[in-house]
Amino acid sequence: MTVRVRFAPSPTGMFHVGGARSALQNWIYAKQQGGVFVLRIEDTDAARNKPEWTEGILSALDWIGISRGSYEGPHFQSENAGEHRAAAARLYESGRAYYCDCTREDVQARTGSQYQGYDGYHRDRGLGPGPGHALRFRTPDEGATVVVDLIRGEPTFENKLIEDFVIARGDGSPVFLLANVVDDMTMGITHVIRAEEHLPNTPKQQLLWDALGVKPPIWAHVPVVVNEKRQKLSKRRDKVALEAYREEGYLPGAMRNYLMLLGWAPSGDREIVPWSVIEEEFRLEEVNPSPAFFDEKKLRAFNGDYIRALPVDEFIDACQPWLTGTGTIAPPPWQPEEFDADAFAAVAPLAQTRITVLSEIVPNVDFLFLASPLIDEAAWAKTMKEGSAELLDDAVAAFEALESWDAESLKSTLEAVGAERGLKLGKTQAPVRVAVTGRTVGLPLFESLEVLGRERALTRMRAARLRLV
């Protein structure tokens, strides 16, 4: 038997990090088993589906390493509508489903409760198809449905607690439960690896598989992803869009690595491991069923480690979208002709050790490419206090006299200026840094001054001195 797994997102919004994790788990499992990864776009919600969301799914999968052409699909659920309706008809004709015209208010009036499920009113009344007649599955009265799950063992659901659920609406269109089952049957899916939130639907779907005469797939429900308050990640409340992390400057390798740790861990006391190790060691049955905490701070630290591990030339290449404003990345504050590739290459190794996401490269190097620095007014007010004007005067005079404009000479010269005033280097260099870069933190000052050049650096220090008059 060839293992066939599927990832079946809906094109109704940005790509969720939880979906990305499920896609990776399916992808790895298929590769391990020599099987096939199938991409199915569940696009039957016509009111919310947009073509750009479908393209977003494909682009997001590309970014995390599931590239187009390496999987089967994308298939579109809407293209299988005929099979969905045919399956509904077979269930009705075999007596496994019946029509019902009850409204929610009808059920509530009979049961006296808004919380009780459907009461089976039309089970044996022989109502035929017609406008407004929904098709309900006839759930067995006795016994239990056992879901064999690679992660959760054998969750058991008493059939008497499962209401006769709707499988086709009053207009004849099949609902998600039935469409999902029929699609999996049609595509020969052998393993369904998906989020825990779908587990309550699984006994209903398994009953449908049985009623349609096909052996159910092997199930694996991975843990739900939660925030720091242990609440399920929400698009309305949490930062969950994979695209947002990509545009902020997270590396795909770091994101892949971190997502795979949500509910699973590689061998040994380690978390950052090569993707080849994850592909080899990942086991579905070792996934922890408990909720998995998506820790953005930890992800950011991961990303910083991945950035620092890049060869410098790869780091320079990775920064280009933020330096040039390509794609969906916001343009930097300088004009294209102001960018100096050689100057950036000179400071790139220094910046690489200081940033945790690639978008941070812009505020770290913008002083190199602007005619004058972008002044952080809070930093200015905090730094430019009594004595700063005179210190800048002395620093300008000392720097003007330098024969060699290099980091070592600049540092020793400014140390001497500070020593004459009884100041340590940290206090001495703070006004110079703000004058030249506009900020109190950033790249090493003296290497920055060297790359910026004598005339530009002195011009900025003089301008800052004038502002202090």
Protein backbone atom coordinates (compact mmCIF):
# COMPACT_ATOMS: atom_id res chain seq x y z
CA MET A 1 0.00 0.00 0.00
CA THR A 2 1.34 3.42 -0.97
CA VAL A 3 0.97 5.92 1.83
CA ARG A 4 -0.99 8.97 0.73
CA VAL A 5 -1.40 11.94 3.04
CA ARG A 6 -3.12 15.23 2.38
CA PHE A 7 -2.99 18.81 3.50
CA ALA A 8 -6.34 20.49 2.94
CA PRO A 9 -6.40 24.22 3.76
CA SER A 10 -9.22 26.63 2.95
CA PRO A 11 -8.30 29.76 0.92
CA THR A 12 -10.08 32.16 3.25
CA GLY A 13 -7.22 34.15 4.76
CA MET A 14 -3.56 34.29 5.61
CA PHE A 15 -1.66 31.04 6.10
CA HIS A 16 -1.82 29.95 9.77
CA VAL A 17 1.36 28.79 11.52
CA GLY A 18 -0.59 25.82 12.88
CA GLY A 19 -1.45 24.85 9.32
CA ALA A 20 2.20 25.18 8.36
CA ARG A 21 3.12 22.74 11.13
CA SER A 22 0.50 20.22 9.94
CA ALA A 23 1.75 20.55 6.37
CA LEU A 24 5.34 19.84 7.46
CA GLN A 25 4.31 16.83 9.52
CA ASN A 26 2.37 15.38 6.60
CA TRP A 27 5.26 16.17 4.26
CA ILE A 28 7.86 14.42 6.41
CA TYR A 29 5.66 11.40 7.06
CA ALA A 30 5.03 10.92 3.34
CA LYS A 31 8.77 11.14 2.60
CA GLN A 32 9.62 8.69 5.36
CA GLN A 33 7.12 6.16 4.04
CA GLY A 34 7.98 6.65 0.38
CA GLY A 35 4.49 7.99 -0.07
CA VAL A 36 2.67 10.90 -1.68
CA PHE A 37 1.79 14.33 -0.27
CA VAL A 38 -1.47 15.63 -1.73
CA LEU A 39 -2.48 19.28 -1.60
CA ARG A 40 -6.24 19.82 -1.66
CA ILE A 41 -7.71 23.32 -1.59
CA GLU A 42 -11.08 23.19 0.18
CA ASP A 43 -12.69 26.03 -1.73
CA THR A 44 -16.41 25.34 -1.35
CA ASP A 45 -17.00 28.46 0.79
CA ALA A 46 -17.53 30.64 -2.27
CA ALA A 47 -18.37 33.74 -0.24
CA ARG A 48 -14.97 33.80 1.51
CA ASN A 49 -12.62 32.19 -1.01
CA LYS A 50 -10.30 34.40 -3.04
CA PRO A 51 -7.76 33.38 -5.71
CA GLU A 52 -5.05 35.39 -3.96
CA TRP A 53 -5.52 33.28 -0.82
CA THR A 54 -4.89 30.15 -2.86
CA GLU A 55 -1.72 31.68 -4.28
CA GLY A 56 -0.79 32.64 -0.71
CA ILE A 57 -1.05 28.99 0.34
CA LEU A 58 1.19 27.86 -2.51
CA SER A 59 3.70 30.63 -1.81
CA ALA A 60 3.78 29.85 1.93
CA LEU A 61 4.38 26.15 1.23
CA ASP A 62 7.19 27.11 -1.15
CA TRP A 63 8.75 29.22 1.59
CA ILE A 64 8.81 26.43 4.17
CA GLY A 65 10.30 23.99 1.69
CA ILE A 66 7.26 22.21 0.22
CA SER A 67 7.84 23.40 -3.30
CA ARG A 68 5.47 23.33 -6.24
CA GLY A 69 5.92 20.31 -8.42
CA SER A 70 7.10 18.13 -5.54
CA TYR A 71 3.57 17.13 -4.50
CA GLU A 72 0.31 16.03 -6.08
CA GLY A 73 -2.09 18.87 -6.72
CA PRO A 74 -3.37 21.29 -5.95
CA HIS A 75 -6.76 19.66 -6.26
CA PHE A 76 -9.84 21.76 -5.60
CA GLN A 77 -12.72 20.46 -3.53
CA SER A 78 -15.24 22.31 -5.68
CA GLU A 79 -14.24 20.13 -8.63
CA ASN A 80 -15.50 17.06 -6.77
CA ALA A 81 -19.03 18.38 -6.12
CA GLY A 82 -20.61 15.68 -8.28
CA GLU A 83 -19.03 12.93 -6.16
CA HIS A 84 -20.23 14.64 -2.98
CA ARG A 85 -23.84 14.66 -4.19
CA ALA A 86 -23.59 11.09 -5.45
CA ALA A 87 -22.37 9.89 -2.06
CA ALA A 88 -25.25 11.69 -0.34
CA ALA A 89 -27.69 9.99 -2.69
CA ARG A 90 -26.18 6.54 -1.98
CA LEU A 91 -26.52 7.07 1.75
CA TYR A 92 -30.17 8.06 1.36
CA GLU A 93 -30.97 5.17 -0.97
CA SER A 94 -29.33 2.65 1.38
CA GLY A 95 -31.34 3.93 4.35
CA ARG A 96 -28.27 5.32 6.11
CA ALA A 97 -29.63 8.86 5.80
CA TYR A 98 -33.05 10.52 5.84
CA TYR A 99 -34.59 13.90 5.09
CA CYS A 100 -35.66 16.37 7.74
CA ASP A 101 -37.31 19.79 7.53
CA CYS A 102 -36.97 20.75 11.19
CA THR A 103 -35.64 24.17 12.03
CA ARG A 104 -33.49 24.89 15.05
CA GLU A 105 -36.55 26.47 16.69
CA ASP A 106 -38.59 23.31 16.06
CA VAL A 107 -36.02 21.16 17.83
CA GLN A 108 -35.74 23.58 20.72
CA ALA A 109 -39.52 23.68 21.14
CA ARG A 110 -39.70 19.87 21.32
CA THR A 111 -36.72 19.36 23.61
CA GLY A 112 -37.19 22.45 25.77
CA SER A 113 -33.47 23.18 25.55
CA GLN A 114 -31.25 25.19 23.21
CA TYR A 115 -28.30 22.99 24.11
CA GLN A 116 -29.71 19.56 23.32
CA GLY A 117 -28.91 18.16 19.89
CA TYR A 118 -31.31 16.92 17.25
CA ASP A 119 -33.93 14.54 18.65
CA GLY A 120 -34.39 12.23 15.65
CA TYR A 121 -37.90 13.49 14.95
CA HIS A 122 -37.91 12.59 11.23
CA ARG A 123 -36.01 9.30 11.50
CA ASP A 124 -38.99 7.15 10.52
CA ARG A 125 -41.44 9.65 9.03
CA GLY A 126 -40.49 8.97 5.43
CA LEU A 127 -40.01 12.57 4.40
CA GLY A 128 -38.65 12.75 0.85
CA PRO A 129 -36.27 15.20 -0.78
CA GLY A 130 -37.50 18.71 -1.41
CA PRO A 131 -36.73 22.38 -0.94
CA GLY A 132 -35.58 23.05 2.61
CA HIS A 133 -35.20 19.35 3.39
CA ALA A 134 -31.80 18.64 4.91
CA LEU A 135 -30.28 15.17 4.71
CA ARG A 136 -29.28 13.67 8.06
CA PHE A 137 -27.08 10.65 8.70
CA ARG A 138 -28.75 7.86 10.68
CA THR A 139 -26.31 7.31 13.54
CA PRO A 140 -26.39 3.78 15.02
CA ASP A 141 -28.42 3.60 18.24
CA GLU A 142 -26.05 1.24 19.99
CA GLY A 143 -22.37 0.49 20.27
CA ALA A 144 -19.42 2.82 20.03
CA THR A 145 -17.12 4.22 17.39
CA VAL A 146 -13.44 3.63 18.13
CA VAL A 147 -10.99 5.97 16.48
CA VAL A 148 -7.55 4.40 16.14
CA ASP A 149 -5.17 7.33 16.45
CA LEU A 150 -1.37 7.14 16.17
CA ILE A 151 -0.99 9.91 18.75
CA ARG A 152 -4.00 9.52 21.05
CA GLY A 153 -4.47 5.77 21.21
CA GLU A 154 -8.08 4.69 20.76
CA PRO A 155 -10.54 7.43 21.72
CA THR A 156 -13.98 5.86 22.00
CA PHE A 157 -17.27 7.63 21.31
CA GLU A 158 -20.63 6.17 22.31
CA ASN A 159 -22.91 6.26 19.29
CA LYS A 160 -25.97 7.20 21.34
CA LEU A 161 -24.24 10.49 22.17
CA ILE A 162 -23.73 11.36 18.50
CA GLU A 163 -26.78 13.08 17.06
CA ASP A 164 -28.12 12.37 13.58
CA PHE A 165 -25.94 15.01 11.92
CA VAL A 166 -26.62 16.88 8.71
CA ILE A 167 -24.66 15.72 5.66
CA ALA A 168 -26.45 17.83 2.99
CA ARG A 169 -28.19 21.18 3.35
CA GLY A 170 -31.71 22.06 2.36
CA ASP A 171 -30.48 23.17 -1.07
CA GLY A 172 -28.84 19.79 -1.64
CA SER A 173 -25.26 20.92 -1.18
CA PRO A 174 -23.17 18.52 0.95
CA VAL A 175 -21.66 19.87 4.17
CA PHE A 176 -17.96 19.79 5.04
CA LEU A 177 -18.11 16.47 6.94
CA LEU A 178 -19.34 14.53 3.93
CA ALA A 179 -17.30 16.43 1.33
CA ASN A 180 -14.14 15.86 3.33
CA VAL A 181 -14.75 12.12 3.57
CA VAL A 182 -15.63 11.74 -0.11
CA ASP A 183 -12.56 13.70 -1.18
CA ASP A 184 -10.30 11.52 0.95
CA MET A 185 -11.89 8.40 -0.54
CA THR A 186 -11.62 9.69 -4.10
CA MET A 187 -7.96 10.62 -3.62
CA GLY A 188 -7.04 7.36 -1.90
CA ILE A 189 -5.88 9.02 1.32
CA THR A 190 -4.47 6.41 3.72
CA HIS A 191 -3.44 8.63 6.65
CA VAL A 192 -5.14 11.77 7.93
CA ILE A 193 -2.71 13.87 9.97
CA ARG A 194 -4.41 17.01 11.22
CA ALA A 195 -5.00 19.24 14.22
CA GLU A 196 -6.64 18.05 17.41
CA GLU A 197 -9.57 20.44 16.90
CA HIS A 198 -10.90 18.05 14.25
CA LEU A 199 -11.02 15.07 16.64
CA PRO A 200 -14.69 15.63 17.68
CA ASN A 201 -15.69 15.30 14.01
CA THR A 202 -13.71 12.12 13.49
CA PRO A 203 -16.28 9.59 14.82
CA LYS A 204 -18.89 11.11 12.50
CA GLN A 205 -16.51 10.90 9.56
CA GLN A 206 -15.54 7.35 10.43
CA LEU A 207 -19.22 6.40 10.49
CA LEU A 208 -19.54 7.88 7.01
CA TRP A 209 -16.54 5.89 5.76
CA ASP A 210 -18.13 2.71 7.14
CA ALA A 211 -21.54 3.53 5.68
CA LEU A 212 -20.00 4.13 2.25
CA GLY A 213 -18.26 0.76 2.44
CA VAL A 214 -14.66 1.97 2.53
CA LYS A 215 -12.05 1.29 5.21
CA PRO A 216 -11.31 4.50 7.15
CA PRO A 217 -7.81 6.01 7.02
CA ILE A 218 -5.35 5.88 9.86
CA TRP A 219 -5.85 8.96 12.03
CA ALA A 220 -3.29 11.14 13.79
CA HIS A 221 -4.47 14.25 15.61
CA VAL A 222 -1.58 16.53 16.51
CA PRO A 223 -1.86 18.86 19.53
CA VAL A 224 -3.55 22.22 19.29
CA VAL A 225 -1.18 25.23 19.23
CA VAL A 226 -1.76 27.73 22.05
CA ASN A 227 -0.52 31.16 23.15
CA GLU A 228 1.15 32.14 26.45
CA LYS A 229 -2.26 32.09 28.17
CA ARG A 230 -2.78 28.54 26.91
CA GLN A 231 -5.55 29.70 24.61
CA LYS A 232 -5.83 28.29 21.12
CA LEU A 233 -4.06 30.61 18.67
CA SER A 234 -6.61 32.95 17.13
CA LYS A 235 -6.35 35.01 13.95
CA ARG A 236 -8.23 37.81 15.69
CA ARG A 237 -6.03 37.89 18.78
CA ASP A 238 -2.62 36.41 18.03
CA LYS A 239 0.11 36.80 15.45
CA VAL A 240 -0.53 33.63 13.48
CA ALA A 241 -0.01 34.49 9.79
CA LEU A 242 3.07 32.81 8.36
CA GLU A 243 3.32 35.69 5.87
CA ALA A 244 3.77 38.16 8.74
CA TYR A 245 6.77 36.25 10.04
CA ARG A 246 8.24 35.96 6.55
CA GLU A 247 7.92 39.71 5.97
CA GLU A 248 9.45 40.48 9.36
CA GLY A 249 12.54 38.58 8.34
CA TYR A 250 12.32 35.09 9.79
CA LEU A 251 14.36 32.51 7.90
CA PRO A 252 12.41 29.54 6.53
CA GLY A 253 14.87 27.10 8.09
CA ALA A 254 14.35 28.59 11.54
CA MET A 255 10.58 28.58 11.13
CA ARG A 256 10.57 24.95 9.93
CA ASN A 257 12.77 23.85 12.80
CA TYR A 258 10.67 25.65 15.41
CA LEU A 259 7.31 24.49 14.07
CA MET A 260 8.42 20.87 14.22
CA LEU A 261 9.20 21.29 17.92
CA LEU A 262 5.55 22.08 18.70
CA GLY A 263 4.69 18.75 20.27
CA TRP A 264 7.82 16.81 19.35
CA ALA A 265 11.56 16.92 20.07
CA PRO A 266 14.64 15.41 18.40
CA SER A 267 16.92 13.08 20.29
CA GLY A 268 19.37 14.43 22.81
CA ASP A 269 19.42 17.72 24.65
CA ARG A 270 19.08 19.90 21.56
CA GLU A 271 16.48 21.82 19.65
CA ILE A 272 18.28 23.49 16.76
CA VAL A 273 19.13 20.64 14.40
CA PRO A 274 19.61 20.25 10.65
CA TRP A 275 16.46 19.60 8.67
CA SER A 276 17.91 16.25 7.55
CA VAL A 277 17.95 15.16 11.21
CA ILE A 278 14.32 16.17 11.68
CA GLU A 279 13.32 14.28 8.54
CA GLU A 280 15.10 11.20 9.81
CA GLU A 281 14.06 11.27 13.47
CA PHE A 282 10.48 12.57 13.42
CA ARG A 283 7.92 9.97 14.48
CA LEU A 284 4.19 10.63 14.59
CA GLU A 285 3.72 8.22 17.47
CA GLU A 286 6.21 10.27 19.53
CA VAL A 287 4.21 13.49 19.23
CA ASN A 288 3.02 14.71 22.63
CA PRO A 289 -0.80 15.02 22.66
CA SER A 290 -0.73 17.95 25.10
CA PRO A 291 -1.28 21.50 23.78
CA ALA A 292 1.86 23.01 22.24
CA PHE A 293 2.92 26.55 23.27
CA PHE A 294 3.86 28.83 20.39
CA ASP A 295 6.49 31.01 22.03
CA GLU A 296 7.30 33.92 19.73
CA LYS A 297 10.24 35.00 21.91
CA LYS A 298 11.78 31.56 21.57
CA LEU A 299 11.16 31.57 17.83
CA ARG A 300 12.90 34.93 17.58
CA ALA A 301 15.90 33.58 19.47
CA PHE A 302 15.93 30.57 17.13
CA ASN A 303 15.95 32.88 14.17
CA GLY A 304 18.85 34.88 15.57
CA ASP A 305 20.86 31.68 15.88
CA TYR A 306 20.04 30.76 12.29
CA ILE A 307 21.04 34.23 11.08
CA ARG A 308 24.38 34.06 12.87
CA ALA A 309 25.06 30.64 11.36
CA LEU A 310 24.76 31.94 7.78
CA PRO A 311 27.91 32.50 5.74
CA VAL A 312 28.33 36.27 5.39
CA ASP A 313 27.61 36.27 1.67
CA GLU A 314 24.35 34.39 2.27
CA PHE A 315 23.46 36.85 5.02
CA ILE A 316 24.04 39.75 2.60
CA ASP A 317 21.80 38.08 0.02
CA ALA A 318 19.11 37.37 2.62
CA CYS A 319 19.01 41.05 3.62
CA GLN A 320 18.43 42.33 0.09
CA PRO A 321 14.59 42.47 0.18
CA TRP A 322 14.75 44.78 3.20
CA LEU A 323 17.57 46.86 1.73
CA THR A 324 15.77 47.30 -1.60
CA GLY A 325 12.08 47.05 -0.64
CA THR A 326 11.25 44.23 -3.03
CA GLY A 327 8.03 42.23 -3.09
CA THR A 328 5.77 42.99 -0.15
CA ILE A 329 8.62 44.39 1.97
CA ALA A 330 8.28 48.09 2.82
CA PRO A 331 10.90 50.27 1.11
CA PRO A 332 13.82 51.47 3.27
CA PRO A 333 14.14 55.17 4.20
CA TRP A 334 16.89 55.82 1.65
CA GLN A 335 16.62 56.18 -2.12
CA PRO A 336 17.98 53.34 -4.28
CA GLU A 337 20.84 55.48 -5.57
CA GLU A 338 21.93 56.22 -1.97
CA PHE A 339 22.57 52.57 -1.17
CA ASP A 340 26.23 51.59 -1.17
CA ALA A 341 26.69 47.82 -1.53
CA ASP A 342 30.36 47.97 -0.58
CA ALA A 343 29.61 49.90 2.60
CA PHE A 344 26.95 47.38 3.53
CA ALA A 345 29.28 44.48 2.88
CA ALA A 346 31.83 46.10 5.18
CA VAL A 347 29.41 46.26 8.14
CA ALA A 348 27.42 43.09 7.36
CA PRO A 349 29.49 40.82 9.65
CA LEU A 350 28.93 43.28 12.52
CA ALA A 351 25.19 43.52 11.87
CA GLN A 352 24.84 39.76 11.54
CA THR A 353 25.77 39.24 15.17
CA ARG A 354 23.24 41.79 16.43
CA ILE A 355 19.92 41.18 14.70
CA THR A 356 17.34 38.48 15.34
CA VAL A 357 15.09 39.14 12.33
CA LEU A 358 16.21 40.43 8.96
CA SER A 359 13.98 43.52 9.09
CA GLU A 360 16.18 44.81 11.91
CA ILE A 361 18.94 45.37 9.38
CA VAL A 362 17.38 48.67 8.25
CA PRO A 363 17.61 50.65 11.52
CA ASN A 364 21.08 49.21 12.08
CA VAL A 365 22.54 50.51 8.81
CA ASP A 366 20.32 53.39 7.68
CA PHE A 367 22.88 55.96 8.94
CA LEU A 368 25.25 54.79 6.20
CA PHE A 369 22.94 55.63 3.33
CA LEU A 370 21.10 58.77 4.40
CA ALA A 371 22.34 62.32 3.93
CA SER A 372 21.75 62.88 7.65
CA PRO A 373 20.83 60.39 10.37
CA LEU A 374 17.28 59.77 11.53
CA ILE A 375 17.41 61.18 15.04
CA ASP A 376 15.67 59.25 17.80
CA GLU A 377 14.49 62.23 19.83
CA ALA A 378 14.16 60.23 23.03
CA ALA A 379 17.74 59.04 22.61
CA TRP A 380 18.86 62.60 21.91
CA ALA A 381 17.19 63.94 25.04
CA LYS A 382 18.63 61.17 27.18
CA THR A 383 22.18 61.53 25.84
CA MET A 384 22.81 65.15 24.92
CA LYS A 385 23.09 66.64 28.39
CA GLU A 386 25.38 69.17 30.06
CA GLY A 387 28.92 68.85 28.75
CA SER A 388 27.95 67.07 25.50
CA ALA A 389 28.60 70.17 23.38
CA GLU A 390 32.12 70.61 24.68
CA LEU A 391 32.80 66.90 24.37
CA LEU A 392 31.73 66.99 20.71
CA ASP A 393 34.01 70.00 20.15
CA ASP A 394 36.96 68.09 21.55
CA ALA A 395 36.10 64.92 19.63
CA VAL A 396 35.82 66.80 16.32
CA ALA A 397 39.15 68.50 16.89
CA ALA A 398 40.85 65.23 17.79
CA PHE A 399 39.34 63.35 14.84
CA GLU A 400 40.32 66.13 12.43
CA ALA A 401 43.93 65.66 13.44
CA LEU A 402 43.97 61.91 12.79
CA GLU A 403 46.33 60.72 10.08
CA SER A 404 44.62 57.35 9.74
CA TRP A 405 40.79 57.06 9.77
CA ASP A 406 40.45 53.51 11.08
CA ALA A 407 38.51 51.96 13.93
CA GLU A 408 41.52 51.39 16.19
CA SER A 409 42.78 54.97 15.82
CA LEU A 410 39.29 56.40 16.33
CA LYS A 411 38.78 54.39 19.50
CA SER A 412 42.10 55.31 21.11
CA THR A 413 41.61 58.97 20.19
CA LEU A 414 38.14 59.15 21.74
CA GLU A 415 39.36 57.30 24.83
CA ALA A 416 41.97 60.03 25.29
CA VAL A 417 39.31 62.76 24.87
CA GLY A 418 37.21 61.13 27.57
CA ALA A 419 40.13 60.56 29.89
CA GLU A 420 40.87 64.29 29.93
CA ARG A 421 37.35 64.80 31.23
CA GLY A 422 37.46 61.89 33.66
CA LEU A 423 34.98 59.87 31.57
CA LYS A 424 35.04 56.22 30.65
CA LEU A 425 34.72 55.31 27.00
CA GLY A 426 31.03 54.37 27.28
CA LYS A 427 30.08 57.86 28.49
CA THR A 428 32.40 59.52 26.00
CA GLN A 429 31.16 57.74 22.91
CA ALA A 430 27.41 58.10 23.63
CA PRO A 431 27.05 61.68 22.27
CA VAL A 432 29.20 60.80 19.27
CA ARG A 433 27.05 57.76 18.49
CA VAL A 434 23.80 59.76 18.63
CA ALA A 435 25.31 62.54 16.53
CA VAL A 436 26.48 60.13 13.84
CA THR A 437 23.82 57.36 13.82
CA GLY A 438 20.84 59.06 15.51
CA ARG A 439 20.54 56.26 18.08
CA THR A 440 22.05 55.10 21.34
CA VAL A 441 22.39 51.47 20.24
CA GLY A 442 23.56 49.88 17.01
CA LEU A 443 26.66 48.60 15.33
CA PRO A 444 30.07 49.06 16.97
CA LEU A 445 30.74 52.80 16.83
CA PHE A 446 34.32 52.93 15.66
CA GLU A 447 33.87 50.43 12.82
CA SER A 448 30.78 52.42 11.81
CA LEU A 449 32.77 55.66 11.77
CA GLU A 450 35.44 54.04 9.65
CA VAL A 451 32.94 52.89 7.02
CA LEU A 452 30.98 56.15 7.11
CA GLY A 453 34.13 58.10 6.32
CA ARG A 454 35.88 61.11 7.80
CA GLU A 455 33.98 63.94 6.12
CA ARG A 456 30.48 62.55 6.64
CA ALA A 457 31.19 61.67 10.27
CA LEU A 458 32.66 65.08 11.10
CA THR A 459 29.82 66.87 9.30
CA ARG A 460 27.27 65.07 11.46
CA MET A 461 29.16 65.75 14.67
CA ARG A 462 29.38 69.46 13.80
CA ALA A 463 25.64 69.54 12.99
CA ALA A 464 24.85 67.95 16.34
CA ARG A 465 27.08 70.50 18.07
CA LEU A 466 25.20 73.37 16.42
CA ARG A 467 21.90 71.91 17.57
CA LEU A 468 23.19 72.08 21.14
CA VAL A 469 23.91 75.82 20.98
